[in-house]
Amino acid sequence: GGKILESDKQYVCQNHRVQRDQSGH
């Protein structure tokens, strides 16, 4: 039920998160 957002390369849910872990992945 979150908002779908359009960015320059993708369409993604506002609740999608991407982070680097301590090893850089």
PDBML (XML) file of the C-alpha atoms, coordinates in Angstrom:
<?xml version="1.0" encoding="UTF-8" ?>
<PDBx:datablock datablockName="MODEL"
   xmlns:PDBx="http://pdbml.pdb.org/schema/pdbx-v50.xsd"
   xmlns:xsi="http://www.w3.org/2001/XMLSchema-instance"
   xsi:schemaLocation="http://pdbml.pdb.org/schema/pdbx-v50.xsd pdbx-v50.xsd">
   <PDBx:atom_siteCategory>
      <PDBx:atom_site id="1">
         <PDBx:B_iso_or_equiv>0.00</PDBx:B_iso_or_equiv>
         <PDBx:Cartn_x>0.000</PDBx:Cartn_x>
         <PDBx:Cartn_y>0.000</PDBx:Cartn_y>
         <PDBx:Cartn_z>0.000</PDBx:Cartn_z>
         <PDBx:auth_asym_id>A</PDBx:auth_asym_id>
         <PDBx:auth_atom_id>CA</PDBx:auth_atom_id>
         <PDBx:auth_comp_id>GLY</PDBx:auth_comp_id>
         <PDBx:auth_seq_id>1</PDBx:auth_seq_id>
         <PDBx:group_PDB>ATOM</PDBx:group_PDB>
         <PDBx:label_alt_id xsi:nil="true" />
         <PDBx:label_asym_id>A</PDBx:label_asym_id>
         <PDBx:label_atom_id>CA</PDBx:label_atom_id>
         <PDBx:label_comp_id>GLY</PDBx:label_comp_id>
         <PDBx:label_entity_id>1</PDBx:label_entity_id>
         <PDBx:label_seq_id>1</PDBx:label_seq_id>
         <PDBx:occupancy>1.00</PDBx:occupancy>
         <PDBx:pdbx_PDB_model_num>1</PDBx:pdbx_PDB_model_num>
         <PDBx:type_symbol>C</PDBx:type_symbol>
      </PDBx:atom_site>
      <PDBx:atom_site id="2">
         <PDBx:B_iso_or_equiv>0.00</PDBx:B_iso_or_equiv>
         <PDBx:Cartn_x>3.012</PDBx:Cartn_x>
         <PDBx:Cartn_y>2.350</PDBx:Cartn_y>
         <PDBx:Cartn_z>-0.150</PDBx:Cartn_z>
         <PDBx:auth_asym_id>A</PDBx:auth_asym_id>
         <PDBx:auth_atom_id>CA</PDBx:auth_atom_id>
         <PDBx:auth_comp_id>GLY</PDBx:auth_comp_id>
         <PDBx:auth_seq_id>2</PDBx:auth_seq_id>
         <PDBx:group_PDB>ATOM</PDBx:group_PDB>
         <PDBx:label_alt_id xsi:nil="true" />
         <PDBx:label_asym_id>A</PDBx:label_asym_id>
         <PDBx:label_atom_id>CA</PDBx:label_atom_id>
         <PDBx:label_comp_id>GLY</PDBx:label_comp_id>
         <PDBx:label_entity_id>1</PDBx:label_entity_id>
         <PDBx:label_seq_id>2</PDBx:label_seq_id>
         <PDBx:occupancy>1.00</PDBx:occupancy>
         <PDBx:pdbx_PDB_model_num>1</PDBx:pdbx_PDB_model_num>
         <PDBx:type_symbol>C</PDBx:type_symbol>
      </PDBx:atom_site>
      <PDBx:atom_site id="3">
         <PDBx:B_iso_or_equiv>0.00</PDBx:B_iso_or_equiv>
         <PDBx:Cartn_x>3.537</PDBx:Cartn_x>
         <PDBx:Cartn_y>4.863</PDBx:Cartn_y>
         <PDBx:Cartn_z>-2.941</PDBx:Cartn_z>
         <PDBx:auth_asym_id>A</PDBx:auth_asym_id>
         <PDBx:auth_atom_id>CA</PDBx:auth_atom_id>
         <PDBx:auth_comp_id>LYS</PDBx:auth_comp_id>
         <PDBx:auth_seq_id>3</PDBx:auth_seq_id>
         <PDBx:group_PDB>ATOM</PDBx:group_PDB>
         <PDBx:label_alt_id xsi:nil="true" />
         <PDBx:label_asym_id>A</PDBx:label_asym_id>
         <PDBx:label_atom_id>CA</PDBx:label_atom_id>
         <PDBx:label_comp_id>LYS</PDBx:label_comp_id>
         <PDBx:label_entity_id>1</PDBx:label_entity_id>
         <PDBx:label_seq_id>3</PDBx:label_seq_id>
         <PDBx:occupancy>1.00</PDBx:occupancy>
         <PDBx:pdbx_PDB_model_num>1</PDBx:pdbx_PDB_model_num>
         <PDBx:type_symbol>C</PDBx:type_symbol>
      </PDBx:atom_site>
      <PDBx:atom_site id="4">
         <PDBx:B_iso_or_equiv>0.00</PDBx:B_iso_or_equiv>
         <PDBx:Cartn_x>5.187</PDBx:Cartn_x>
         <PDBx:Cartn_y>3.658</PDBx:Cartn_y>
         <PDBx:Cartn_z>-6.163</PDBx:Cartn_z>
         <PDBx:auth_asym_id>A</PDBx:auth_asym_id>
         <PDBx:auth_atom_id>CA</PDBx:auth_atom_id>
         <PDBx:auth_comp_id>ILE</PDBx:auth_comp_id>
         <PDBx:auth_seq_id>4</PDBx:auth_seq_id>
         <PDBx:group_PDB>ATOM</PDBx:group_PDB>
         <PDBx:label_alt_id xsi:nil="true" />
         <PDBx:label_asym_id>A</PDBx:label_asym_id>
         <PDBx:label_atom_id>CA</PDBx:label_atom_id>
         <PDBx:label_comp_id>ILE</PDBx:label_comp_id>
         <PDBx:label_entity_id>1</PDBx:label_entity_id>
         <PDBx:label_seq_id>4</PDBx:label_seq_id>
         <PDBx:occupancy>1.00</PDBx:occupancy>
         <PDBx:pdbx_PDB_model_num>1</PDBx:pdbx_PDB_model_num>
         <PDBx:type_symbol>C</PDBx:type_symbol>
      </PDBx:atom_site>
      <PDBx:atom_site id="5">
         <PDBx:B_iso_or_equiv>0.00</PDBx:B_iso_or_equiv>
         <PDBx:Cartn_x>7.811</PDBx:Cartn_x>
         <PDBx:Cartn_y>6.218</PDBx:Cartn_y>
         <PDBx:Cartn_z>-7.161</PDBx:Cartn_z>
         <PDBx:auth_asym_id>A</PDBx:auth_asym_id>
         <PDBx:auth_atom_id>CA</PDBx:auth_atom_id>
         <PDBx:auth_comp_id>LEU</PDBx:auth_comp_id>
         <PDBx:auth_seq_id>5</PDBx:auth_seq_id>
         <PDBx:group_PDB>ATOM</PDBx:group_PDB>
         <PDBx:label_alt_id xsi:nil="true" />
         <PDBx:label_asym_id>A</PDBx:label_asym_id>
         <PDBx:label_atom_id>CA</PDBx:label_atom_id>
         <PDBx:label_comp_id>LEU</PDBx:label_comp_id>
         <PDBx:label_entity_id>1</PDBx:label_entity_id>
         <PDBx:label_seq_id>5</PDBx:label_seq_id>
         <PDBx:occupancy>1.00</PDBx:occupancy>
         <PDBx:pdbx_PDB_model_num>1</PDBx:pdbx_PDB_model_num>
         <PDBx:type_symbol>C</PDBx:type_symbol>
      </PDBx:atom_site>
      <PDBx:atom_site id="6">
         <PDBx:B_iso_or_equiv>0.00</PDBx:B_iso_or_equiv>
         <PDBx:Cartn_x>9.446</PDBx:Cartn_x>
         <PDBx:Cartn_y>6.785</PDBx:Cartn_y>
         <PDBx:Cartn_z>-10.540</PDBx:Cartn_z>
         <PDBx:auth_asym_id>A</PDBx:auth_asym_id>
         <PDBx:auth_atom_id>CA</PDBx:auth_atom_id>
         <PDBx:auth_comp_id>GLU</PDBx:auth_comp_id>
         <PDBx:auth_seq_id>6</PDBx:auth_seq_id>
         <PDBx:group_PDB>ATOM</PDBx:group_PDB>
         <PDBx:label_alt_id xsi:nil="true" />
         <PDBx:label_asym_id>A</PDBx:label_asym_id>
         <PDBx:label_atom_id>CA</PDBx:label_atom_id>
         <PDBx:label_comp_id>GLU</PDBx:label_comp_id>
         <PDBx:label_entity_id>1</PDBx:label_entity_id>
         <PDBx:label_seq_id>6</PDBx:label_seq_id>
         <PDBx:occupancy>1.00</PDBx:occupancy>
         <PDBx:pdbx_PDB_model_num>1</PDBx:pdbx_PDB_model_num>
         <PDBx:type_symbol>C</PDBx:type_symbol>
      </PDBx:atom_site>
      <PDBx:atom_site id="7">
         <PDBx:B_iso_or_equiv>0.00</PDBx:B_iso_or_equiv>
         <PDBx:Cartn_x>13.182</PDBx:Cartn_x>
         <PDBx:Cartn_y>7.536</PDBx:Cartn_y>
         <PDBx:Cartn_z>-10.457</PDBx:Cartn_z>
         <PDBx:auth_asym_id>A</PDBx:auth_asym_id>
         <PDBx:auth_atom_id>CA</PDBx:auth_atom_id>
         <PDBx:auth_comp_id>SER</PDBx:auth_comp_id>
         <PDBx:auth_seq_id>7</PDBx:auth_seq_id>
         <PDBx:group_PDB>ATOM</PDBx:group_PDB>
         <PDBx:label_alt_id xsi:nil="true" />
         <PDBx:label_asym_id>A</PDBx:label_asym_id>
         <PDBx:label_atom_id>CA</PDBx:label_atom_id>
         <PDBx:label_comp_id>SER</PDBx:label_comp_id>
         <PDBx:label_entity_id>1</PDBx:label_entity_id>
         <PDBx:label_seq_id>7</PDBx:label_seq_id>
         <PDBx:occupancy>1.00</PDBx:occupancy>
         <PDBx:pdbx_PDB_model_num>1</PDBx:pdbx_PDB_model_num>
         <PDBx:type_symbol>C</PDBx:type_symbol>
      </PDBx:atom_site>
      <PDBx:atom_site id="8">
         <PDBx:B_iso_or_equiv>0.00</PDBx:B_iso_or_equiv>
         <PDBx:Cartn_x>15.652</PDBx:Cartn_x>
         <PDBx:Cartn_y>7.838</PDBx:Cartn_y>
         <PDBx:Cartn_z>-13.307</PDBx:Cartn_z>
         <PDBx:auth_asym_id>A</PDBx:auth_asym_id>
         <PDBx:auth_atom_id>CA</PDBx:auth_atom_id>
         <PDBx:auth_comp_id>ASP</PDBx:auth_comp_id>
         <PDBx:auth_seq_id>8</PDBx:auth_seq_id>
         <PDBx:group_PDB>ATOM</PDBx:group_PDB>
         <PDBx:label_alt_id xsi:nil="true" />
         <PDBx:label_asym_id>A</PDBx:label_asym_id>
         <PDBx:label_atom_id>CA</PDBx:label_atom_id>
         <PDBx:label_comp_id>ASP</PDBx:label_comp_id>
         <PDBx:label_entity_id>1</PDBx:label_entity_id>
         <PDBx:label_seq_id>8</PDBx:label_seq_id>
         <PDBx:occupancy>1.00</PDBx:occupancy>
         <PDBx:pdbx_PDB_model_num>1</PDBx:pdbx_PDB_model_num>
         <PDBx:type_symbol>C</PDBx:type_symbol>
      </PDBx:atom_site>
      <PDBx:atom_site id="9">
         <PDBx:B_iso_or_equiv>0.00</PDBx:B_iso_or_equiv>
         <PDBx:Cartn_x>16.225</PDBx:Cartn_x>
         <PDBx:Cartn_y>4.059</PDBx:Cartn_y>
         <PDBx:Cartn_z>-13.659</PDBx:Cartn_z>
         <PDBx:auth_asym_id>A</PDBx:auth_asym_id>
         <PDBx:auth_atom_id>CA</PDBx:auth_atom_id>
         <PDBx:auth_comp_id>LYS</PDBx:auth_comp_id>
         <PDBx:auth_seq_id>9</PDBx:auth_seq_id>
         <PDBx:group_PDB>ATOM</PDBx:group_PDB>
         <PDBx:label_alt_id xsi:nil="true" />
         <PDBx:label_asym_id>A</PDBx:label_asym_id>
         <PDBx:label_atom_id>CA</PDBx:label_atom_id>
         <PDBx:label_comp_id>LYS</PDBx:label_comp_id>
         <PDBx:label_entity_id>1</PDBx:label_entity_id>
         <PDBx:label_seq_id>9</PDBx:label_seq_id>
         <PDBx:occupancy>1.00</PDBx:occupancy>
         <PDBx:pdbx_PDB_model_num>1</PDBx:pdbx_PDB_model_num>
         <PDBx:type_symbol>C</PDBx:type_symbol>
      </PDBx:atom_site>
      <PDBx:atom_site id="10">
         <PDBx:B_iso_or_equiv>0.00</PDBx:B_iso_or_equiv>
         <PDBx:Cartn_x>13.362</PDBx:Cartn_x>
         <PDBx:Cartn_y>2.285</PDBx:Cartn_y>
         <PDBx:Cartn_z>-11.926</PDBx:Cartn_z>
         <PDBx:auth_asym_id>A</PDBx:auth_asym_id>
         <PDBx:auth_atom_id>CA</PDBx:auth_atom_id>
         <PDBx:auth_comp_id>GLN</PDBx:auth_comp_id>
         <PDBx:auth_seq_id>10</PDBx:auth_seq_id>
         <PDBx:group_PDB>ATOM</PDBx:group_PDB>
         <PDBx:label_alt_id xsi:nil="true" />
         <PDBx:label_asym_id>A</PDBx:label_asym_id>
         <PDBx:label_atom_id>CA</PDBx:label_atom_id>
         <PDBx:label_comp_id>GLN</PDBx:label_comp_id>
         <PDBx:label_entity_id>1</PDBx:label_entity_id>
         <PDBx:label_seq_id>10</PDBx:label_seq_id>
         <PDBx:occupancy>1.00</PDBx:occupancy>
         <PDBx:pdbx_PDB_model_num>1</PDBx:pdbx_PDB_model_num>
         <PDBx:type_symbol>C</PDBx:type_symbol>
      </PDBx:atom_site>
      <PDBx:atom_site id="11">
         <PDBx:B_iso_or_equiv>0.00</PDBx:B_iso_or_equiv>
         <PDBx:Cartn_x>9.861</PDBx:Cartn_x>
         <PDBx:Cartn_y>2.242</PDBx:Cartn_y>
         <PDBx:Cartn_z>-10.480</PDBx:Cartn_z>
         <PDBx:auth_asym_id>A</PDBx:auth_asym_id>
         <PDBx:auth_atom_id>CA</PDBx:auth_atom_id>
         <PDBx:auth_comp_id>TYR</PDBx:auth_comp_id>
         <PDBx:auth_seq_id>11</PDBx:auth_seq_id>
         <PDBx:group_PDB>ATOM</PDBx:group_PDB>
         <PDBx:label_alt_id xsi:nil="true" />
         <PDBx:label_asym_id>A</PDBx:label_asym_id>
         <PDBx:label_atom_id>CA</PDBx:label_atom_id>
         <PDBx:label_comp_id>TYR</PDBx:label_comp_id>
         <PDBx:label_entity_id>1</PDBx:label_entity_id>
         <PDBx:label_seq_id>11</PDBx:label_seq_id>
         <PDBx:occupancy>1.00</PDBx:occupancy>
         <PDBx:pdbx_PDB_model_num>1</PDBx:pdbx_PDB_model_num>
         <PDBx:type_symbol>C</PDBx:type_symbol>
      </PDBx:atom_site>
      <PDBx:atom_site id="12">
         <PDBx:B_iso_or_equiv>0.00</PDBx:B_iso_or_equiv>
         <PDBx:Cartn_x>10.066</PDBx:Cartn_x>
         <PDBx:Cartn_y>1.368</PDBx:Cartn_y>
         <PDBx:Cartn_z>-6.782</PDBx:Cartn_z>
         <PDBx:auth_asym_id>A</PDBx:auth_asym_id>
         <PDBx:auth_atom_id>CA</PDBx:auth_atom_id>
         <PDBx:auth_comp_id>VAL</PDBx:auth_comp_id>
         <PDBx:auth_seq_id>12</PDBx:auth_seq_id>
         <PDBx:group_PDB>ATOM</PDBx:group_PDB>
         <PDBx:label_alt_id xsi:nil="true" />
         <PDBx:label_asym_id>A</PDBx:label_asym_id>
         <PDBx:label_atom_id>CA</PDBx:label_atom_id>
         <PDBx:label_comp_id>VAL</PDBx:label_comp_id>
         <PDBx:label_entity_id>1</PDBx:label_entity_id>
         <PDBx:label_seq_id>12</PDBx:label_seq_id>
         <PDBx:occupancy>1.00</PDBx:occupancy>
         <PDBx:pdbx_PDB_model_num>1</PDBx:pdbx_PDB_model_num>
         <PDBx:type_symbol>C</PDBx:type_symbol>
      </PDBx:atom_site>
      <PDBx:atom_site id="13">
         <PDBx:B_iso_or_equiv>0.00</PDBx:B_iso_or_equiv>
         <PDBx:Cartn_x>7.939</PDBx:Cartn_x>
         <PDBx:Cartn_y>1.259</PDBx:Cartn_y>
         <PDBx:Cartn_z>-3.631</PDBx:Cartn_z>
         <PDBx:auth_asym_id>A</PDBx:auth_asym_id>
         <PDBx:auth_atom_id>CA</PDBx:auth_atom_id>
         <PDBx:auth_comp_id>CYS</PDBx:auth_comp_id>
         <PDBx:auth_seq_id>13</PDBx:auth_seq_id>
         <PDBx:group_PDB>ATOM</PDBx:group_PDB>
         <PDBx:label_alt_id xsi:nil="true" />
         <PDBx:label_asym_id>A</PDBx:label_asym_id>
         <PDBx:label_atom_id>CA</PDBx:label_atom_id>
         <PDBx:label_comp_id>CYS</PDBx:label_comp_id>
         <PDBx:label_entity_id>1</PDBx:label_entity_id>
         <PDBx:label_seq_id>13</PDBx:label_seq_id>
         <PDBx:occupancy>1.00</PDBx:occupancy>
         <PDBx:pdbx_PDB_model_num>1</PDBx:pdbx_PDB_model_num>
         <PDBx:type_symbol>C</PDBx:type_symbol>
      </PDBx:atom_site>
      <PDBx:atom_site id="14">
         <PDBx:B_iso_or_equiv>0.00</PDBx:B_iso_or_equiv>
         <PDBx:Cartn_x>8.691</PDBx:Cartn_x>
         <PDBx:Cartn_y>4.029</PDBx:Cartn_y>
         <PDBx:Cartn_z>-1.146</PDBx:Cartn_z>
         <PDBx:auth_asym_id>A</PDBx:auth_asym_id>
         <PDBx:auth_atom_id>CA</PDBx:auth_atom_id>
         <PDBx:auth_comp_id>GLN</PDBx:auth_comp_id>
         <PDBx:auth_seq_id>14</PDBx:auth_seq_id>
         <PDBx:group_PDB>ATOM</PDBx:group_PDB>
         <PDBx:label_alt_id xsi:nil="true" />
         <PDBx:label_asym_id>A</PDBx:label_asym_id>
         <PDBx:label_atom_id>CA</PDBx:label_atom_id>
         <PDBx:label_comp_id>GLN</PDBx:label_comp_id>
         <PDBx:label_entity_id>1</PDBx:label_entity_id>
         <PDBx:label_seq_id>14</PDBx:label_seq_id>
         <PDBx:occupancy>1.00</PDBx:occupancy>
         <PDBx:pdbx_PDB_model_num>1</PDBx:pdbx_PDB_model_num>
         <PDBx:type_symbol>C</PDBx:type_symbol>
      </PDBx:atom_site>
      <PDBx:atom_site id="15">
         <PDBx:B_iso_or_equiv>0.00</PDBx:B_iso_or_equiv>
         <PDBx:Cartn_x>9.200</PDBx:Cartn_x>
         <PDBx:Cartn_y>1.333</PDBx:Cartn_y>
         <PDBx:Cartn_z>1.527</PDBx:Cartn_z>
         <PDBx:auth_asym_id>A</PDBx:auth_asym_id>
         <PDBx:auth_atom_id>CA</PDBx:auth_atom_id>
         <PDBx:auth_comp_id>ASN</PDBx:auth_comp_id>
         <PDBx:auth_seq_id>15</PDBx:auth_seq_id>
         <PDBx:group_PDB>ATOM</PDBx:group_PDB>
         <PDBx:label_alt_id xsi:nil="true" />
         <PDBx:label_asym_id>A</PDBx:label_asym_id>
         <PDBx:label_atom_id>CA</PDBx:label_atom_id>
         <PDBx:label_comp_id>ASN</PDBx:label_comp_id>
         <PDBx:label_entity_id>1</PDBx:label_entity_id>
         <PDBx:label_seq_id>15</PDBx:label_seq_id>
         <PDBx:occupancy>1.00</PDBx:occupancy>
         <PDBx:pdbx_PDB_model_num>1</PDBx:pdbx_PDB_model_num>
         <PDBx:type_symbol>C</PDBx:type_symbol>
      </PDBx:atom_site>
      <PDBx:atom_site id="16">
         <PDBx:B_iso_or_equiv>0.00</PDBx:B_iso_or_equiv>
         <PDBx:Cartn_x>11.997</PDBx:Cartn_x>
         <PDBx:Cartn_y>-0.406</PDBx:Cartn_y>
         <PDBx:Cartn_z>-0.403</PDBx:Cartn_z>
         <PDBx:auth_asym_id>A</PDBx:auth_asym_id>
         <PDBx:auth_atom_id>CA</PDBx:auth_atom_id>
         <PDBx:auth_comp_id>HIS</PDBx:auth_comp_id>
         <PDBx:auth_seq_id>16</PDBx:auth_seq_id>
         <PDBx:group_PDB>ATOM</PDBx:group_PDB>
         <PDBx:label_alt_id xsi:nil="true" />
         <PDBx:label_asym_id>A</PDBx:label_asym_id>
         <PDBx:label_atom_id>CA</PDBx:label_atom_id>
         <PDBx:label_comp_id>HIS</PDBx:label_comp_id>
         <PDBx:label_entity_id>1</PDBx:label_entity_id>
         <PDBx:label_seq_id>16</PDBx:label_seq_id>
         <PDBx:occupancy>1.00</PDBx:occupancy>
         <PDBx:pdbx_PDB_model_num>1</PDBx:pdbx_PDB_model_num>
         <PDBx:type_symbol>C</PDBx:type_symbol>
      </PDBx:atom_site>
      <PDBx:atom_site id="17">
         <PDBx:B_iso_or_equiv>0.00</PDBx:B_iso_or_equiv>
         <PDBx:Cartn_x>15.366</PDBx:Cartn_x>
         <PDBx:Cartn_y>0.159</PDBx:Cartn_y>
         <PDBx:Cartn_z>1.290</PDBx:Cartn_z>
         <PDBx:auth_asym_id>A</PDBx:auth_asym_id>
         <PDBx:auth_atom_id>CA</PDBx:auth_atom_id>
         <PDBx:auth_comp_id>ARG</PDBx:auth_comp_id>
         <PDBx:auth_seq_id>17</PDBx:auth_seq_id>
         <PDBx:group_PDB>ATOM</PDBx:group_PDB>
         <PDBx:label_alt_id xsi:nil="true" />
         <PDBx:label_asym_id>A</PDBx:label_asym_id>
         <PDBx:label_atom_id>CA</PDBx:label_atom_id>
         <PDBx:label_comp_id>ARG</PDBx:label_comp_id>
         <PDBx:label_entity_id>1</PDBx:label_entity_id>
         <PDBx:label_seq_id>17</PDBx:label_seq_id>
         <PDBx:occupancy>1.00</PDBx:occupancy>
         <PDBx:pdbx_PDB_model_num>1</PDBx:pdbx_PDB_model_num>
         <PDBx:type_symbol>C</PDBx:type_symbol>
      </PDBx:atom_site>
      <PDBx:atom_site id="18">
         <PDBx:B_iso_or_equiv>0.00</PDBx:B_iso_or_equiv>
         <PDBx:Cartn_x>18.905</PDBx:Cartn_x>
         <PDBx:Cartn_y>-0.449</PDBx:Cartn_y>
         <PDBx:Cartn_z>0.072</PDBx:Cartn_z>
         <PDBx:auth_asym_id>A</PDBx:auth_asym_id>
         <PDBx:auth_atom_id>CA</PDBx:auth_atom_id>
         <PDBx:auth_comp_id>VAL</PDBx:auth_comp_id>
         <PDBx:auth_seq_id>18</PDBx:auth_seq_id>
         <PDBx:group_PDB>ATOM</PDBx:group_PDB>
         <PDBx:label_alt_id xsi:nil="true" />
         <PDBx:label_asym_id>A</PDBx:label_asym_id>
         <PDBx:label_atom_id>CA</PDBx:label_atom_id>
         <PDBx:label_comp_id>VAL</PDBx:label_comp_id>
         <PDBx:label_entity_id>1</PDBx:label_entity_id>
         <PDBx:label_seq_id>18</PDBx:label_seq_id>
         <PDBx:occupancy>1.00</PDBx:occupancy>
         <PDBx:pdbx_PDB_model_num>1</PDBx:pdbx_PDB_model_num>
         <PDBx:type_symbol>C</PDBx:type_symbol>
      </PDBx:atom_site>
      <PDBx:atom_site id="19">
         <PDBx:B_iso_or_equiv>0.00</PDBx:B_iso_or_equiv>
         <PDBx:Cartn_x>21.917</PDBx:Cartn_x>
         <PDBx:Cartn_y>-0.026</PDBx:Cartn_y>
         <PDBx:Cartn_z>2.363</PDBx:Cartn_z>
         <PDBx:auth_asym_id>A</PDBx:auth_asym_id>
         <PDBx:auth_atom_id>CA</PDBx:auth_atom_id>
         <PDBx:auth_comp_id>GLN</PDBx:auth_comp_id>
         <PDBx:auth_seq_id>19</PDBx:auth_seq_id>
         <PDBx:group_PDB>ATOM</PDBx:group_PDB>
         <PDBx:label_alt_id xsi:nil="true" />
         <PDBx:label_asym_id>A</PDBx:label_asym_id>
         <PDBx:label_atom_id>CA</PDBx:label_atom_id>
         <PDBx:label_comp_id>GLN</PDBx:label_comp_id>
         <PDBx:label_entity_id>1</PDBx:label_entity_id>
         <PDBx:label_seq_id>19</PDBx:label_seq_id>
         <PDBx:occupancy>1.00</PDBx:occupancy>
         <PDBx:pdbx_PDB_model_num>1</PDBx:pdbx_PDB_model_num>
         <PDBx:type_symbol>C</PDBx:type_symbol>
      </PDBx:atom_site>
      <PDBx:atom_site id="20">
         <PDBx:B_iso_or_equiv>0.00</PDBx:B_iso_or_equiv>
         <PDBx:Cartn_x>25.541</PDBx:Cartn_x>
         <PDBx:Cartn_y>-1.097</PDBx:Cartn_y>
         <PDBx:Cartn_z>2.433</PDBx:Cartn_z>
         <PDBx:auth_asym_id>A</PDBx:auth_asym_id>
         <PDBx:auth_atom_id>CA</PDBx:auth_atom_id>
         <PDBx:auth_comp_id>ARG</PDBx:auth_comp_id>
         <PDBx:auth_seq_id>20</PDBx:auth_seq_id>
         <PDBx:group_PDB>ATOM</PDBx:group_PDB>
         <PDBx:label_alt_id xsi:nil="true" />
         <PDBx:label_asym_id>A</PDBx:label_asym_id>
         <PDBx:label_atom_id>CA</PDBx:label_atom_id>
         <PDBx:label_comp_id>ARG</PDBx:label_comp_id>
         <PDBx:label_entity_id>1</PDBx:label_entity_id>
         <PDBx:label_seq_id>20</PDBx:label_seq_id>
         <PDBx:occupancy>1.00</PDBx:occupancy>
         <PDBx:pdbx_PDB_model_num>1</PDBx:pdbx_PDB_model_num>
         <PDBx:type_symbol>C</PDBx:type_symbol>
      </PDBx:atom_site>
      <PDBx:atom_site id="21">
         <PDBx:B_iso_or_equiv>0.00</PDBx:B_iso_or_equiv>
         <PDBx:Cartn_x>26.497</PDBx:Cartn_x>
         <PDBx:Cartn_y>-3.521</PDBx:Cartn_y>
         <PDBx:Cartn_z>5.175</PDBx:Cartn_z>
         <PDBx:auth_asym_id>A</PDBx:auth_asym_id>
         <PDBx:auth_atom_id>CA</PDBx:auth_atom_id>
         <PDBx:auth_comp_id>ASP</PDBx:auth_comp_id>
         <PDBx:auth_seq_id>21</PDBx:auth_seq_id>
         <PDBx:group_PDB>ATOM</PDBx:group_PDB>
         <PDBx:label_alt_id xsi:nil="true" />
         <PDBx:label_asym_id>A</PDBx:label_asym_id>
         <PDBx:label_atom_id>CA</PDBx:label_atom_id>
         <PDBx:label_comp_id>ASP</PDBx:label_comp_id>
         <PDBx:label_entity_id>1</PDBx:label_entity_id>
         <PDBx:label_seq_id>21</PDBx:label_seq_id>
         <PDBx:occupancy>1.00</PDBx:occupancy>
         <PDBx:pdbx_PDB_model_num>1</PDBx:pdbx_PDB_model_num>
         <PDBx:type_symbol>C</PDBx:type_symbol>
      </PDBx:atom_site>
      <PDBx:atom_site id="22">
         <PDBx:B_iso_or_equiv>0.00</PDBx:B_iso_or_equiv>
         <PDBx:Cartn_x>29.849</PDBx:Cartn_x>
         <PDBx:Cartn_y>-3.418</PDBx:Cartn_y>
         <PDBx:Cartn_z>7.010</PDBx:Cartn_z>
         <PDBx:auth_asym_id>A</PDBx:auth_asym_id>
         <PDBx:auth_atom_id>CA</PDBx:auth_atom_id>
         <PDBx:auth_comp_id>GLN</PDBx:auth_comp_id>
         <PDBx:auth_seq_id>22</PDBx:auth_seq_id>
         <PDBx:group_PDB>ATOM</PDBx:group_PDB>
         <PDBx:label_alt_id xsi:nil="true" />
         <PDBx:label_asym_id>A</PDBx:label_asym_id>
         <PDBx:label_atom_id>CA</PDBx:label_atom_id>
         <PDBx:label_comp_id>GLN</PDBx:label_comp_id>
         <PDBx:label_entity_id>1</PDBx:label_entity_id>
         <PDBx:label_seq_id>22</PDBx:label_seq_id>
         <PDBx:occupancy>1.00</PDBx:occupancy>
         <PDBx:pdbx_PDB_model_num>1</PDBx:pdbx_PDB_model_num>
         <PDBx:type_symbol>C</PDBx:type_symbol>
      </PDBx:atom_site>
      <PDBx:atom_site id="23">
         <PDBx:B_iso_or_equiv>0.00</PDBx:B_iso_or_equiv>
         <PDBx:Cartn_x>31.534</PDBx:Cartn_x>
         <PDBx:Cartn_y>-5.524</PDBx:Cartn_y>
         <PDBx:Cartn_z>4.329</PDBx:Cartn_z>
         <PDBx:auth_asym_id>A</PDBx:auth_asym_id>
         <PDBx:auth_atom_id>CA</PDBx:auth_atom_id>
         <PDBx:auth_comp_id>SER</PDBx:auth_comp_id>
         <PDBx:auth_seq_id>23</PDBx:auth_seq_id>
         <PDBx:group_PDB>ATOM</PDBx:group_PDB>
         <PDBx:label_alt_id xsi:nil="true" />
         <PDBx:label_asym_id>A</PDBx:label_asym_id>
         <PDBx:label_atom_id>CA</PDBx:label_atom_id>
         <PDBx:label_comp_id>SER</PDBx:label_comp_id>
         <PDBx:label_entity_id>1</PDBx:label_entity_id>
         <PDBx:label_seq_id>23</PDBx:label_seq_id>
         <PDBx:occupancy>1.00</PDBx:occupancy>
         <PDBx:pdbx_PDB_model_num>1</PDBx:pdbx_PDB_model_num>
         <PDBx:type_symbol>C</PDBx:type_symbol>
      </PDBx:atom_site>
      <PDBx:atom_site id="24">
         <PDBx:B_iso_or_equiv>0.00</PDBx:B_iso_or_equiv>
         <PDBx:Cartn_x>30.444</PDBx:Cartn_x>
         <PDBx:Cartn_y>-3.089</PDBx:Cartn_y>
         <PDBx:Cartn_z>1.597</PDBx:Cartn_z>
         <PDBx:auth_asym_id>A</PDBx:auth_asym_id>
         <PDBx:auth_atom_id>CA</PDBx:auth_atom_id>
         <PDBx:auth_comp_id>GLY</PDBx:auth_comp_id>
         <PDBx:auth_seq_id>24</PDBx:auth_seq_id>
         <PDBx:group_PDB>ATOM</PDBx:group_PDB>
         <PDBx:label_alt_id xsi:nil="true" />
         <PDBx:label_asym_id>A</PDBx:label_asym_id>
         <PDBx:label_atom_id>CA</PDBx:label_atom_id>
         <PDBx:label_comp_id>GLY</PDBx:label_comp_id>
         <PDBx:label_entity_id>1</PDBx:label_entity_id>
         <PDBx:label_seq_id>24</PDBx:label_seq_id>
         <PDBx:occupancy>1.00</PDBx:occupancy>
         <PDBx:pdbx_PDB_model_num>1</PDBx:pdbx_PDB_model_num>
         <PDBx:type_symbol>C</PDBx:type_symbol>
      </PDBx:atom_site>
      <PDBx:atom_site id="25">
         <PDBx:B_iso_or_equiv>0.00</PDBx:B_iso_or_equiv>
         <PDBx:Cartn_x>27.774</PDBx:Cartn_x>
         <PDBx:Cartn_y>-5.300</PDBx:Cartn_y>
         <PDBx:Cartn_z>0.028</PDBx:Cartn_z>
         <PDBx:auth_asym_id>A</PDBx:auth_asym_id>
         <PDBx:auth_atom_id>CA</PDBx:auth_atom_id>
         <PDBx:auth_comp_id>HIS</PDBx:auth_comp_id>
         <PDBx:auth_seq_id>25</PDBx:auth_seq_id>
         <PDBx:group_PDB>ATOM</PDBx:group_PDB>
         <PDBx:label_alt_id xsi:nil="true" />
         <PDBx:label_asym_id>A</PDBx:label_asym_id>
         <PDBx:label_atom_id>CA</PDBx:label_atom_id>
         <PDBx:label_comp_id>HIS</PDBx:label_comp_id>
         <PDBx:label_entity_id>1</PDBx:label_entity_id>
         <PDBx:label_seq_id>25</PDBx:label_seq_id>
         <PDBx:occupancy>1.00</PDBx:occupancy>
         <PDBx:pdbx_PDB_model_num>1</PDBx:pdbx_PDB_model_num>
         <PDBx:type_symbol>C</PDBx:type_symbol>
      </PDBx:atom_site>
   </PDBx:atom_siteCategory>
</PDBx:datablock>
